[in-house]
């Protein structure tokens, strides 16, 4: 895709305008959004991404349009899995519920800026060093094995950037509304700034998985950036919308491990193909899109079925025979 500068400028300006309006809405009325509000905003962002992808299909052809949709769906799914860690961060820092929207929005903006730099560096590297695709592919397969072979730990550990900020900047013990700094004899930062740094830098760590994954689906920096931007922009409302649903998506990490393993193997096969290995195939983007959507759909359905079955079993009364058996056992033991 040989895009003129004005397309990049218009795209960045559009994202900036939407985020600025979003920030104005949050700053104007800090509150915990209702279910109806969340559904409306998530639908808006999903519709915006779908319209963008449809435009790519019409103007740039099915190849680039399919790459965008495959990348966006993958990034969005990985973001949903990461929301659980965001929930842990919010709980650990005891963020007041009415200010969680602002924390998420600022954290997401920080993550988008840092991901943009990460994508620019990655795009330049993969154009110069073809062997990086073998590294990306192996890393994704390894990540998939970790996800599918080990249970995720329900904890949050502070990264180096967050520890540095907390050590260098004097911090208050309590929140002061939504303010980032206060003045008590000297300028102090509030926990609000600390938690924003935690959200932003933690999301950047998540990019170590997601950026190689999307480079396995498209080599176009424009598509990589826009897919990441659309995946991040709706996270604030999605956090509140599916906060109670996260515990029910019990197989999500397993489904994501399958997706990451598939993309990793695809990267390795295509790198071998371009290096002249005749038996290594090139995987069409529509096949990739079908595998990603199919895997995530099956994972979601199986998760909801299992959660519903477990909830039904928990509500079922205990059989009378088992209860009386234990009672008689206790009676005989006492006698």
C-alpha atoms as a PDB file:
ATOM      1  CA  UNK A   1       0.000   0.000   0.000  1.00  0.00           C
ATOM      2  CA  UNK A   2       1.685   3.165  -1.239  1.00  0.00           C
ATOM      3  CA  UNK A   3      -0.342   5.703   0.699  1.00  0.00           C
ATOM      4  CA  UNK A   4       0.167   9.465   0.386  1.00  0.00           C
ATOM      5  CA  UNK A   5       0.923  11.446   3.522  1.00  0.00           C
ATOM      6  CA  UNK A   6      -2.522  13.048   3.622  1.00  0.00           C
ATOM      7  CA  UNK A   7      -4.210   9.652   4.186  1.00  0.00           C
ATOM      8  CA  UNK A   8      -2.018   9.010   7.229  1.00  0.00           C
ATOM      9  CA  UNK A   9      -2.658  12.554   8.445  1.00  0.00           C
ATOM     10  CA  UNK A  10      -6.430  12.241   7.942  1.00  0.00           C
ATOM     11  CA  UNK A  11      -6.494   8.863   9.713  1.00  0.00           C
ATOM     12  CA  UNK A  12      -4.503  10.115  12.700  1.00  0.00           C
ATOM     13  CA  UNK A  13      -6.635  13.264  12.810  1.00  0.00           C
ATOM     14  CA  UNK A  14      -9.826  11.192  12.791  1.00  0.00           C
ATOM     15  CA  UNK A  15      -8.638   8.992  15.651  1.00  0.00           C
ATOM     16  CA  UNK A  16      -7.513  12.070  17.606  1.00  0.00           C
ATOM     17  CA  UNK A  17     -10.896  13.760  17.098  1.00  0.00           C
ATOM     18  CA  UNK A  18     -12.856  10.713  18.288  1.00  0.00           C
ATOM     19  CA  UNK A  19     -10.618  10.283  21.348  1.00  0.00           C
ATOM     20  CA  UNK A  20     -10.828  14.013  22.141  1.00  0.00           C
ATOM     21  CA  UNK A  21     -14.633  13.879  22.028  1.00  0.00           C
ATOM     22  CA  UNK A  22     -14.566  10.737  24.176  1.00  0.00           C
ATOM     23  CA  UNK A  23     -12.302  12.473  26.700  1.00  0.00           C
ATOM     24  CA  UNK A  24     -14.576  15.539  26.756  1.00  0.00           C
ATOM     25  CA  UNK A  25     -17.572  13.332  27.506  1.00  0.00           C
ATOM     26  CA  UNK A  26     -15.750  11.635  30.390  1.00  0.00           C
ATOM     27  CA  UNK A  27     -14.368  14.881  31.864  1.00  0.00           C
ATOM     28  CA  UNK A  28     -17.743  16.627  31.611  1.00  0.00           C
ATOM     29  CA  UNK A  29     -19.599  14.048  33.673  1.00  0.00           C
ATOM     30  CA  UNK A  30     -17.469  11.515  35.617  1.00  0.00           C
ATOM     31  CA  UNK A  31     -19.641   8.479  36.367  1.00  0.00           C
ATOM     32  CA  UNK A  32     -19.888   4.735  36.025  1.00  0.00           C
ATOM     33  CA  UNK A  33     -21.614   4.192  32.655  1.00  0.00           C
ATOM     34  CA  UNK A  34     -24.910   2.345  32.445  1.00  0.00           C
ATOM     35  CA  UNK A  35     -25.367  -0.852  30.469  1.00  0.00           C
ATOM     36  CA  UNK A  36     -27.314   1.025  27.789  1.00  0.00           C
ATOM     37  CA  UNK A  37     -24.560   3.624  27.452  1.00  0.00           C
ATOM     38  CA  UNK A  38     -21.869   0.939  27.136  1.00  0.00           C
ATOM     39  CA  UNK A  39     -23.817  -1.005  24.520  1.00  0.00           C
ATOM     40  CA  UNK A  40     -24.292   2.178  22.495  1.00  0.00           C
ATOM     41  CA  UNK A  41     -20.630   3.154  22.546  1.00  0.00           C
ATOM     42  CA  UNK A  42     -19.314  -0.372  21.869  1.00  0.00           C
ATOM     43  CA  UNK A  43     -21.752  -0.662  18.958  1.00  0.00           C
ATOM     44  CA  UNK A  44     -20.522   2.704  17.655  1.00  0.00           C
ATOM     45  CA  UNK A  45     -16.858   1.690  17.751  1.00  0.00           C
ATOM     46  CA  UNK A  46     -17.513  -1.745  16.254  1.00  0.00           C
ATOM     47  CA  UNK A  47     -19.620  -0.132  13.531  1.00  0.00           C
ATOM     48  CA  UNK A  48     -16.860   2.406  12.876  1.00  0.00           C
ATOM     49  CA  UNK A  49     -14.288  -0.364  12.467  1.00  0.00           C
ATOM     50  CA  UNK A  50     -16.642  -2.370  10.235  1.00  0.00           C
ATOM     51  CA  UNK A  51     -17.287   0.687   8.052  1.00  0.00           C
ATOM     52  CA  UNK A  52     -13.540   1.324   7.786  1.00  0.00           C
ATOM     53  CA  UNK A  53     -12.947  -2.297   6.772  1.00  0.00           C
ATOM     54  CA  UNK A  54     -15.780  -2.148   4.232  1.00  0.00           C
ATOM     55  CA  UNK A  55     -14.184   0.967   2.757  1.00  0.00           C
ATOM     56  CA  UNK A  56     -10.889  -0.892   2.433  1.00  0.00           C
ATOM     57  CA  UNK A  57     -12.670  -3.771   0.689  1.00  0.00           C
ATOM     58  CA  UNK A  58     -14.158  -1.376  -1.856  1.00  0.00           C
ATOM     59  CA  UNK A  59     -11.157   0.890  -2.410  1.00  0.00           C
ATOM     60  CA  UNK A  60      -8.187  -1.406  -1.873  1.00  0.00           C
ATOM     61  CA  UNK A  61      -9.537  -4.874  -2.666  1.00  0.00           C
ATOM     62  CA  UNK A  62     -10.424  -8.012  -0.706  1.00  0.00           C
ATOM     63  CA  UNK A  63      -6.824  -8.824   0.238  1.00  0.00           C
ATOM     64  CA  UNK A  64      -6.201  -5.669   2.261  1.00  0.00           C
ATOM     65  CA  UNK A  65      -9.781  -5.592   3.540  1.00  0.00           C
ATOM     66  CA  UNK A  66      -9.497  -9.182   4.732  1.00  0.00           C
ATOM     67  CA  UNK A  67      -6.148  -8.459   6.380  1.00  0.00           C
ATOM     68  CA  UNK A  68      -7.667  -5.548   8.294  1.00  0.00           C
ATOM     69  CA  UNK A  69     -10.626  -7.583   9.541  1.00  0.00           C
ATOM     70  CA  UNK A  70      -8.409 -10.524  10.531  1.00  0.00           C
ATOM     71  CA  UNK A  71      -6.017  -8.197  12.368  1.00  0.00           C
ATOM     72  CA  UNK A  72      -8.769  -6.183  14.051  1.00  0.00           C
ATOM     73  CA  UNK A  73     -10.658  -9.274  15.274  1.00  0.00           C
ATOM     74  CA  UNK A  74      -7.433 -10.802  16.611  1.00  0.00           C
ATOM     75  CA  UNK A  75      -6.377  -7.602  18.388  1.00  0.00           C
ATOM     76  CA  UNK A  76      -9.872  -7.048  19.779  1.00  0.00           C
ATOM     77  CA  UNK A  77     -10.007 -10.591  21.143  1.00  0.00           C
ATOM     78  CA  UNK A  78      -6.595 -10.252  22.768  1.00  0.00           C
ATOM     79  CA  UNK A  79      -7.759  -6.943  24.277  1.00  0.00           C
ATOM     80  CA  UNK A  80     -10.816  -8.631  25.806  1.00  0.00           C
ATOM     81  CA  UNK A  81      -8.522 -11.147  27.497  1.00  0.00           C
ATOM     82  CA  UNK A  82      -6.393  -8.271  28.801  1.00  0.00           C
ATOM     83  CA  UNK A  83      -9.391  -6.547  30.381  1.00  0.00           C
ATOM     84  CA  UNK A  84      -9.183  -9.002  33.277  1.00  0.00           C
ATOM     85  CA  UNK A  85      -5.759  -7.617  34.181  1.00  0.00           C
ATOM     86  CA  UNK A  86      -7.137  -4.073  33.937  1.00  0.00           C
ATOM     87  CA  UNK A  87      -9.824  -5.117  36.409  1.00  0.00           C
ATOM     88  CA  UNK A  88      -7.131  -6.394  38.793  1.00  0.00           C
ATOM     89  CA  UNK A  89      -5.243  -3.097  38.493  1.00  0.00           C
ATOM     90  CA  UNK A  90      -8.384  -1.094  39.258  1.00  0.00           C
ATOM     91  CA  UNK A  91      -9.091  -3.248  42.294  1.00  0.00           C
ATOM     92  CA  UNK A  92      -5.541  -3.142  43.589  1.00  0.00           C
ATOM     93  CA  UNK A  93      -5.317   0.652  43.409  1.00  0.00           C
ATOM     94  CA  UNK A  94      -8.898   1.031  44.732  1.00  0.00           C
ATOM     95  CA  UNK A  95      -9.869   3.441  41.955  1.00  0.00           C
ATOM     96  CA  UNK A  96     -13.219   5.156  42.726  1.00  0.00           C
ATOM     97  CA  UNK A  97     -15.831   3.766  40.351  1.00  0.00           C
ATOM     98  CA  UNK A  98     -16.843   7.189  39.000  1.00  0.00           C
ATOM     99  CA  UNK A  99     -13.257   7.849  37.844  1.00  0.00           C
ATOM    100  CA  UNK A 100     -12.509   4.474  36.246  1.00  0.00           C
ATOM    101  CA  UNK A 101     -13.594   5.749  32.832  1.00  0.00           C
ATOM    102  CA  UNK A 102     -10.960   8.493  32.906  1.00  0.00           C
ATOM    103  CA  UNK A 103      -8.246   6.106  34.064  1.00  0.00           C
ATOM    104  CA  UNK A 104      -9.030   3.699  31.249  1.00  0.00           C
ATOM    105  CA  UNK A 105      -9.221   6.409  28.603  1.00  0.00           C
ATOM    106  CA  UNK A 106      -5.889   8.031  29.513  1.00  0.00           C
ATOM    107  CA  UNK A 107      -4.254   4.615  29.846  1.00  0.00           C
ATOM    108  CA  UNK A 108      -5.549   3.597  26.423  1.00  0.00           C
ATOM    109  CA  UNK A 109      -4.273   6.830  24.834  1.00  0.00           C
ATOM    110  CA  UNK A 110      -0.832   6.188  26.360  1.00  0.00           C
ATOM    111  CA  UNK A 111      -0.923   2.626  25.062  1.00  0.00           C
ATOM    112  CA  UNK A 112      -1.926   3.791  21.576  1.00  0.00           C
ATOM    113  CA  UNK A 113       0.967   6.272  21.412  1.00  0.00           C
ATOM    114  CA  UNK A 114       3.469   3.664  22.622  1.00  0.00           C
ATOM    115  CA  UNK A 115       2.081   1.007  20.289  1.00  0.00           C
ATOM    116  CA  UNK A 116       2.414   3.436  17.385  1.00  0.00           C
ATOM    117  CA  UNK A 117       6.130   3.762  18.097  1.00  0.00           C
ATOM    118  CA  UNK A 118       6.383  -0.017  18.520  1.00  0.00           C
ATOM    119  CA  UNK A 119       4.616  -0.606  15.177  1.00  0.00           C
ATOM    120  CA  UNK A 120       6.843   1.904  13.362  1.00  0.00           C
ATOM    121  CA  UNK A 121       9.969   0.190  14.700  1.00  0.00           C
ATOM    122  CA  UNK A 122       8.591  -3.260  13.909  1.00  0.00           C
ATOM    123  CA  UNK A 123       7.583  -2.312  10.358  1.00  0.00           C
ATOM    124  CA  UNK A 124      11.042  -0.972   9.623  1.00  0.00           C
ATOM    125  CA  UNK A 125      12.678  -4.060  11.102  1.00  0.00           C
ATOM    126  CA  UNK A 126      10.624  -6.655   9.207  1.00  0.00           C
ATOM    127  CA  UNK A 127      11.298  -4.884   5.901  1.00  0.00           C
ATOM    128  CA  UNK A 128      15.042  -5.106   6.446  1.00  0.00           C
ATOM    129  CA  UNK A 129      15.365  -8.416   8.265  1.00  0.00           C
ATOM    130  CA  UNK A 130      13.222 -11.222   6.816  1.00  0.00           C
ATOM    131  CA  UNK A 131      14.485 -13.662   9.442  1.00  0.00           C
ATOM    132  CA  UNK A 132      12.439 -11.792  12.062  1.00  0.00           C
ATOM    133  CA  UNK A 133       9.362 -13.647  10.821  1.00  0.00           C
ATOM    134  CA  UNK A 134      10.899 -16.898  12.088  1.00  0.00           C
ATOM    135  CA  UNK A 135      11.461 -15.216  15.471  1.00  0.00           C
ATOM    136  CA  UNK A 136       7.917 -13.813  15.564  1.00  0.00           C
ATOM    137  CA  UNK A 137       6.460 -17.177  14.559  1.00  0.00           C
ATOM    138  CA  UNK A 138       8.422 -19.105  17.184  1.00  0.00           C
ATOM    139  CA  UNK A 139       7.537 -16.544  19.849  1.00  0.00           C
ATOM    140  CA  UNK A 140       3.808 -16.803  19.071  1.00  0.00           C
ATOM    141  CA  UNK A 141       3.897 -20.609  19.182  1.00  0.00           C
ATOM    142  CA  UNK A 142       5.724 -20.432  22.528  1.00  0.00           C
ATOM    143  CA  UNK A 143       3.174 -17.928  23.855  1.00  0.00           C
ATOM    144  CA  UNK A 144       0.347 -20.202  22.706  1.00  0.00           C
ATOM    145  CA  UNK A 145       1.921 -23.165  24.483  1.00  0.00           C
ATOM    146  CA  UNK A 146       2.169 -21.137  27.698  1.00  0.00           C
ATOM    147  CA  UNK A 147      -1.490 -20.131  27.440  1.00  0.00           C
ATOM    148  CA  UNK A 148      -2.813 -23.602  26.717  1.00  0.00           C
ATOM    149  CA  UNK A 149      -0.489 -25.487  29.037  1.00  0.00           C
ATOM    150  CA  UNK A 150      -0.646 -23.336  32.133  1.00  0.00           C
ATOM    151  CA  UNK A 151      -3.404 -21.602  34.038  1.00  0.00           C
ATOM    152  CA  UNK A 152      -3.150 -17.816  34.018  1.00  0.00           C
ATOM    153  CA  UNK A 153      -2.241 -16.329  37.374  1.00  0.00           C
ATOM    154  CA  UNK A 154      -4.900 -13.981  38.734  1.00  0.00           C
ATOM    155  CA  UNK A 155      -2.457 -11.379  39.950  1.00  0.00           C
ATOM    156  CA  UNK A 156      -0.847  -8.161  38.853  1.00  0.00           C
ATOM    157  CA  UNK A 157       2.852  -7.489  39.269  1.00  0.00           C
ATOM    158  CA  UNK A 158       4.287  -4.010  38.868  1.00  0.00           C
ATOM    159  CA  UNK A 159       6.520  -3.579  35.835  1.00  0.00           C
ATOM    160  CA  UNK A 160       9.798  -1.646  35.742  1.00  0.00           C
ATOM    161  CA  UNK A 161       8.259   1.576  34.398  1.00  0.00           C
ATOM    162  CA  UNK A 162       5.631   1.659  37.141  1.00  0.00           C
ATOM    163  CA  UNK A 163       8.149   0.907  39.889  1.00  0.00           C
ATOM    164  CA  UNK A 164      10.381   3.706  38.582  1.00  0.00           C
ATOM    165  CA  UNK A 165       7.527   6.231  38.565  1.00  0.00           C
ATOM    166  CA  UNK A 166       6.515   5.318  42.117  1.00  0.00           C
ATOM    167  CA  UNK A 167      10.109   5.566  43.333  1.00  0.00           C
ATOM    168  CA  UNK A 168      10.971   8.847  41.601  1.00  0.00           C
ATOM    169  CA  UNK A 169       7.742  10.834  42.030  1.00  0.00           C
ATOM    170  CA  UNK A 170       6.420  11.713  45.505  1.00  0.00           C
ATOM    171  CA  UNK A 171       2.888  10.338  45.750  1.00  0.00           C
ATOM    172  CA  UNK A 172      -0.078  11.051  48.004  1.00  0.00           C
ATOM    173  CA  UNK A 173      -1.775   8.237  49.881  1.00  0.00           C
ATOM    174  CA  UNK A 174      -5.307   9.161  48.825  1.00  0.00           C
ATOM    175  CA  UNK A 175      -7.163  10.218  45.684  1.00  0.00           C
ATOM    176  CA  UNK A 176      -8.068  13.873  45.184  1.00  0.00           C
ATOM    177  CA  UNK A 177     -10.986  13.531  42.823  1.00  0.00           C
ATOM    178  CA  UNK A 178      -9.728  13.025  39.270  1.00  0.00           C
ATOM    179  CA  UNK A 179      -6.675  15.260  39.777  1.00  0.00           C
ATOM    180  CA  UNK A 180      -3.270  13.932  38.755  1.00  0.00           C
ATOM    181  CA  UNK A 181      -1.248  16.239  41.008  1.00  0.00           C
ATOM    182  CA  UNK A 182      -1.833  18.302  44.146  1.00  0.00           C
ATOM    183  CA  UNK A 183       0.216  20.919  45.962  1.00  0.00           C
ATOM    184  CA  UNK A 184       0.930  20.382  49.671  1.00  0.00           C
ATOM    185  CA  UNK A 185       4.054  22.427  50.287  1.00  0.00           C
ATOM    186  CA  UNK A 186       5.450  20.756  47.181  1.00  0.00           C
ATOM    187  CA  UNK A 187       3.980  19.219  44.039  1.00  0.00           C
ATOM    188  CA  UNK A 188       2.798  15.626  44.601  1.00  0.00           C
ATOM    189  CA  UNK A 189       1.259  13.155  42.189  1.00  0.00           C
ATOM    190  CA  UNK A 190      -1.891  11.272  43.155  1.00  0.00           C
ATOM    191  CA  UNK A 191      -2.595   7.552  42.793  1.00  0.00           C
ATOM    192  CA  UNK A 192      -4.687   8.520  39.736  1.00  0.00           C
ATOM    193  CA  UNK A 193      -1.505   9.161  37.740  1.00  0.00           C
ATOM    194  CA  UNK A 194       0.102   5.965  39.012  1.00  0.00           C
ATOM    195  CA  UNK A 195      -2.802   3.782  37.941  1.00  0.00           C
ATOM    196  CA  UNK A 196      -2.867   5.435  34.490  1.00  0.00           C
ATOM    197  CA  UNK A 197       0.797   4.561  34.058  1.00  0.00           C
ATOM    198  CA  UNK A 198       0.005   1.021  35.212  1.00  0.00           C
ATOM    199  CA  UNK A 199      -2.754   0.632  32.591  1.00  0.00           C
ATOM    200  CA  UNK A 200      -0.700   2.120  29.769  1.00  0.00           C
ATOM    201  CA  UNK A 201       2.551   0.269  30.410  1.00  0.00           C
ATOM    202  CA  UNK A 202       0.797  -3.031  31.113  1.00  0.00           C
ATOM    203  CA  UNK A 203      -0.991  -2.744  27.772  1.00  0.00           C
ATOM    204  CA  UNK A 204       2.376  -2.147  26.110  1.00  0.00           C
ATOM    205  CA  UNK A 205       3.578  -5.444  27.577  1.00  0.00           C
ATOM    206  CA  UNK A 206       0.508  -7.094  26.054  1.00  0.00           C
ATOM    207  CA  UNK A 207       1.659  -5.708  22.701  1.00  0.00           C
ATOM    208  CA  UNK A 208       4.603  -8.120  22.823  1.00  0.00           C
ATOM    209  CA  UNK A 209       2.049 -10.779  21.861  1.00  0.00           C
ATOM    210  CA  UNK A 210      -0.385  -8.794  19.761  1.00  0.00           C
ATOM    211  CA  UNK A 211       2.018  -6.861  17.503  1.00  0.00           C
ATOM    212  CA  UNK A 212       3.853  -9.983  16.234  1.00  0.00           C
ATOM    213  CA  UNK A 213       0.438 -11.650  15.813  1.00  0.00           C
ATOM    214  CA  UNK A 214      -0.908  -8.954  13.510  1.00  0.00           C
ATOM    215  CA  UNK A 215       2.359  -8.805  11.550  1.00  0.00           C
ATOM    216  CA  UNK A 216       1.654 -12.462  10.872  1.00  0.00           C
ATOM    217  CA  UNK A 217      -1.583 -11.416   9.154  1.00  0.00           C
ATOM    218  CA  UNK A 218      -0.460  -8.296   7.292  1.00  0.00           C
ATOM    219  CA  UNK A 219       2.842  -6.599   6.547  1.00  0.00           C
ATOM    220  CA  UNK A 220       1.206  -3.218   5.907  1.00  0.00           C
ATOM    221  CA  UNK A 221       2.021  -0.688   8.681  1.00  0.00           C
ATOM    222  CA  UNK A 222      -1.184   1.248   7.938  1.00  0.00           C
ATOM    223  CA  UNK A 223      -3.354  -1.823   8.503  1.00  0.00           C
ATOM    224  CA  UNK A 224      -1.372  -2.836  11.597  1.00  0.00           C
ATOM    225  CA  UNK A 225      -1.841   0.599  13.157  1.00  0.00           C
ATOM    226  CA  UNK A 226      -5.524   1.043  12.290  1.00  0.00           C
ATOM    227  CA  UNK A 227      -6.418  -2.463  13.491  1.00  0.00           C
ATOM    228  CA  UNK A 228      -4.690  -1.763  16.815  1.00  0.00           C
ATOM    229  CA  UNK A 229      -6.295   1.671  17.122  1.00  0.00           C
ATOM    230  CA  UNK A 230      -9.822   0.380  16.507  1.00  0.00           C
ATOM    231  CA  UNK A 231      -9.232  -2.499  18.939  1.00  0.00           C
ATOM    232  CA  UNK A 232      -8.114  -0.112  21.696  1.00  0.00           C
ATOM    233  CA  UNK A 233     -10.625   2.688  21.203  1.00  0.00           C
ATOM    234  CA  UNK A 234     -13.665   0.800  22.474  1.00  0.00           C
ATOM    235  CA  UNK A 235     -11.957  -0.841  25.442  1.00  0.00           C
ATOM    236  CA  UNK A 236     -13.211   1.705  27.984  1.00  0.00           C
ATOM    237  CA  UNK A 237     -16.874   0.925  27.405  1.00  0.00           C
ATOM    238  CA  UNK A 238     -16.165  -2.767  26.821  1.00  0.00           C
ATOM    239  CA  UNK A 239     -14.572  -2.916  30.278  1.00  0.00           C
ATOM    240  CA  UNK A 240     -17.850  -1.953  31.936  1.00  0.00           C
ATOM    241  CA  UNK A 241     -20.010  -3.916  29.494  1.00  0.00           C
ATOM    242  CA  UNK A 242     -18.426  -7.319  29.971  1.00  0.00           C
ATOM    243  CA  UNK A 243     -16.886  -6.867  33.421  1.00  0.00           C
ATOM    244  CA  UNK A 244     -19.272  -9.465  34.816  1.00  0.00           C
ATOM    245  CA  UNK A 245     -18.927 -11.662  31.745  1.00  0.00           C
ATOM    246  CA  UNK A 246     -15.161 -12.104  31.930  1.00  0.00           C
ATOM    247  CA  UNK A 247     -15.430 -14.847  34.548  1.00  0.00           C
ATOM    248  CA  UNK A 248     -17.786 -16.757  32.250  1.00  0.00           C
ATOM    249  CA  UNK A 249     -15.370 -16.803  29.288  1.00  0.00           C
ATOM    250  CA  UNK A 250     -13.470 -19.689  30.830  1.00  0.00           C
ATOM    251  CA  UNK A 251     -12.054 -20.983  27.543  1.00  0.00           C
ATOM    252  CA  UNK A 252     -11.069 -17.623  26.059  1.00  0.00           C
ATOM    253  CA  UNK A 253      -7.363 -18.059  26.776  1.00  0.00           C
ATOM    254  CA  UNK A 254      -7.473 -21.527  25.185  1.00  0.00           C
ATOM    255  CA  UNK A 255      -9.102 -20.135  22.049  1.00  0.00           C
ATOM    256  CA  UNK A 256      -6.555 -17.325  21.880  1.00  0.00           C
ATOM    257  CA  UNK A 257      -3.754 -19.874  22.239  1.00  0.00           C
ATOM    258  CA  UNK A 258      -5.088 -21.698  19.172  1.00  0.00           C
ATOM    259  CA  UNK A 259      -5.240 -18.414  17.231  1.00  0.00           C
ATOM    260  CA  UNK A 260      -1.706 -17.413  18.247  1.00  0.00           C
ATOM    261  CA  UNK A 261      -0.339 -20.876  17.412  1.00  0.00           C
ATOM    262  CA  UNK A 262      -2.026 -20.778  13.998  1.00  0.00           C
ATOM    263  CA  UNK A 263      -0.618 -17.325  13.205  1.00  0.00           C
ATOM    264  CA  UNK A 264       2.832 -18.359  14.430  1.00  0.00           C
ATOM    265  CA  UNK A 265       2.874 -21.440  12.218  1.00  0.00           C
ATOM    266  CA  UNK A 266       1.521 -19.343   9.324  1.00  0.00           C
ATOM    267  CA  UNK A 267       4.414 -16.912   9.745  1.00  0.00           C
ATOM    268  CA  UNK A 268       6.985 -19.705   9.730  1.00  0.00           C
ATOM    269  CA  UNK A 269       5.414 -21.466   6.723  1.00  0.00           C
ATOM    270  CA  UNK A 270       5.239 -18.274   4.674  1.00  0.00           C
ATOM    271  CA  UNK A 271       8.821 -17.343   5.586  1.00  0.00           C
ATOM    272  CA  UNK A 272       9.947 -20.795   4.416  1.00  0.00           C
ATOM    273  CA  UNK A 273       7.890 -20.396   1.234  1.00  0.00           C
ATOM    274  CA  UNK A 274       9.564 -17.071   0.408  1.00  0.00           C
ATOM    275  CA  UNK A 275      12.954 -18.648   1.104  1.00  0.00           C
ATOM    276  CA  UNK A 276      12.291 -21.222  -1.626  1.00  0.00           C
ATOM    277  CA  UNK A 277      11.036 -24.219   0.366  1.00  0.00           C
ATOM    278  CA  UNK A 278       8.591 -25.832  -2.062  1.00  0.00           C
ATOM    279  CA  UNK A 279       6.469 -27.754   0.432  1.00  0.00           C
ATOM    280  CA  UNK A 280       5.771 -24.719   2.646  1.00  0.00           C
ATOM    281  CA  UNK A 281       2.378 -23.194   1.683  1.00  0.00           C
ATOM    282  CA  UNK A 282       1.157 -19.610   1.673  1.00  0.00           C
ATOM    283  CA  UNK A 283      -2.013 -19.346   3.720  1.00  0.00           C
ATOM    284  CA  UNK A 284      -4.677 -17.129   2.059  1.00  0.00           C
ATOM    285  CA  UNK A 285      -5.953 -14.318   4.252  1.00  0.00           C
ATOM    286  CA  UNK A 286      -9.549 -15.568   3.956  1.00  0.00           C
ATOM    287  CA  UNK A 287      -8.472 -18.913   5.404  1.00  0.00           C
ATOM    288  CA  UNK A 288      -6.783 -17.053   8.278  1.00  0.00           C
ATOM    289  CA  UNK A 289      -9.908 -14.973   8.849  1.00  0.00           C
ATOM    290  CA  UNK A 290     -12.082 -18.121   8.870  1.00  0.00           C
ATOM    291  CA  UNK A 291      -9.821 -19.887  11.382  1.00  0.00           C
ATOM    292  CA  UNK A 292      -9.727 -16.850  13.697  1.00  0.00           C
ATOM    293  CA  UNK A 293     -13.467 -16.163  13.640  1.00  0.00           C
ATOM    294  CA  UNK A 294     -14.390 -19.859  13.868  1.00  0.00           C
ATOM    295  CA  UNK A 295     -12.043 -20.535  16.796  1.00  0.00           C
ATOM    296  CA  UNK A 296     -13.234 -17.530  18.788  1.00  0.00           C
ATOM    297  CA  UNK A 297     -16.898 -18.302  18.089  1.00  0.00           C
ATOM    298  CA  UNK A 298     -16.547 -21.928  19.222  1.00  0.00           C
ATOM    299  CA  UNK A 299     -14.550 -20.827  22.283  1.00  0.00           C
ATOM    300  CA  UNK A 300     -17.202 -18.294  23.301  1.00  0.00           C
ATOM    301  CA  UNK A 301     -20.087 -20.744  22.872  1.00  0.00           C
ATOM    302  CA  UNK A 302     -18.326 -23.515  24.815  1.00  0.00           C
ATOM    303  CA  UNK A 303     -17.411 -21.040  27.593  1.00  0.00           C
ATOM    304  CA  UNK A 304     -20.989 -19.832  28.001  1.00  0.00           C
ATOM    305  CA  UNK A 305     -22.355 -23.402  27.909  1.00  0.00           C
ATOM    306  CA  UNK A 306     -19.919 -24.527  30.609  1.00  0.00           C
ATOM    307  CA  UNK A 307     -20.601 -21.465  32.780  1.00  0.00           C
ATOM    308  CA  UNK A 308     -24.356 -22.016  32.504  1.00  0.00           C
ATOM    309  CA  UNK A 309     -23.979 -25.706  33.365  1.00  0.00           C
ATOM    310  CA  UNK A 310     -21.766 -24.944  36.379  1.00  0.00           C
ATOM    311  CA  UNK A 311     -24.230 -22.305  37.616  1.00  0.00           C
ATOM    312  CA  UNK A 312     -27.127 -24.739  37.228  1.00  0.00           C
ATOM    313  CA  UNK A 313     -25.278 -27.424  39.180  1.00  0.00           C
ATOM    314  CA  UNK A 314     -24.521 -24.941  41.954  1.00  0.00           C
ATOM    315  CA  UNK A 315     -28.219 -24.145  42.291  1.00  0.00           C
ATOM    316  CA  UNK A 316     -29.362 -27.777  42.342  1.00  0.00           C
ATOM    317  CA  UNK A 317     -30.350 -29.074  45.807  1.00  0.00           C
ATOM    318  CA  UNK A 318     -28.240 -31.839  47.302  1.00  0.00           C
ATOM    319  CA  UNK A 319     -29.752 -35.324  46.845  1.00  0.00           C
ATOM    320  CA  UNK A 320     -31.633 -36.466  49.940  1.00  0.00           C
ATOM    321  CA  UNK A 321     -29.830 -39.793  50.128  1.00  0.00           C
ATOM    322  CA  UNK A 322     -26.398 -38.234  50.346  1.00  0.00           C
ATOM    323  CA  UNK A 323     -27.542 -35.773  52.983  1.00  0.00           C
ATOM    324  CA  UNK A 324     -29.199 -38.427  55.158  1.00  0.00           C
ATOM    325  CA  UNK A 325     -26.202 -40.719  54.727  1.00  0.00           C
ATOM    326  CA  UNK A 326     -23.859 -38.103  56.098  1.00  0.00           C
ATOM    327  CA  UNK A 327     -26.304 -37.336  58.923  1.00  0.00           C
ATOM    328  CA  UNK A 328     -26.532 -40.986  59.969  1.00  0.00           C
ATOM    329  CA  UNK A 329     -22.766 -41.252  59.785  1.00  0.00           C
ATOM    330  CA  UNK A 330     -22.387 -38.352  62.148  1.00  0.00           C
ATOM    331  CA  UNK A 331     -25.058 -39.819  64.466  1.00  0.00           C
ATOM    332  CA  UNK A 332     -23.385 -43.213  64.591  1.00  0.00           C
ATOM    333  CA  UNK A 333     -20.010 -41.616  65.164  1.00  0.00           C
ATOM    334  CA  UNK A 334     -21.364 -39.590  68.052  1.00  0.00           C
ATOM    335  CA  UNK A 335     -23.010 -42.630  69.576  1.00  0.00           C
END
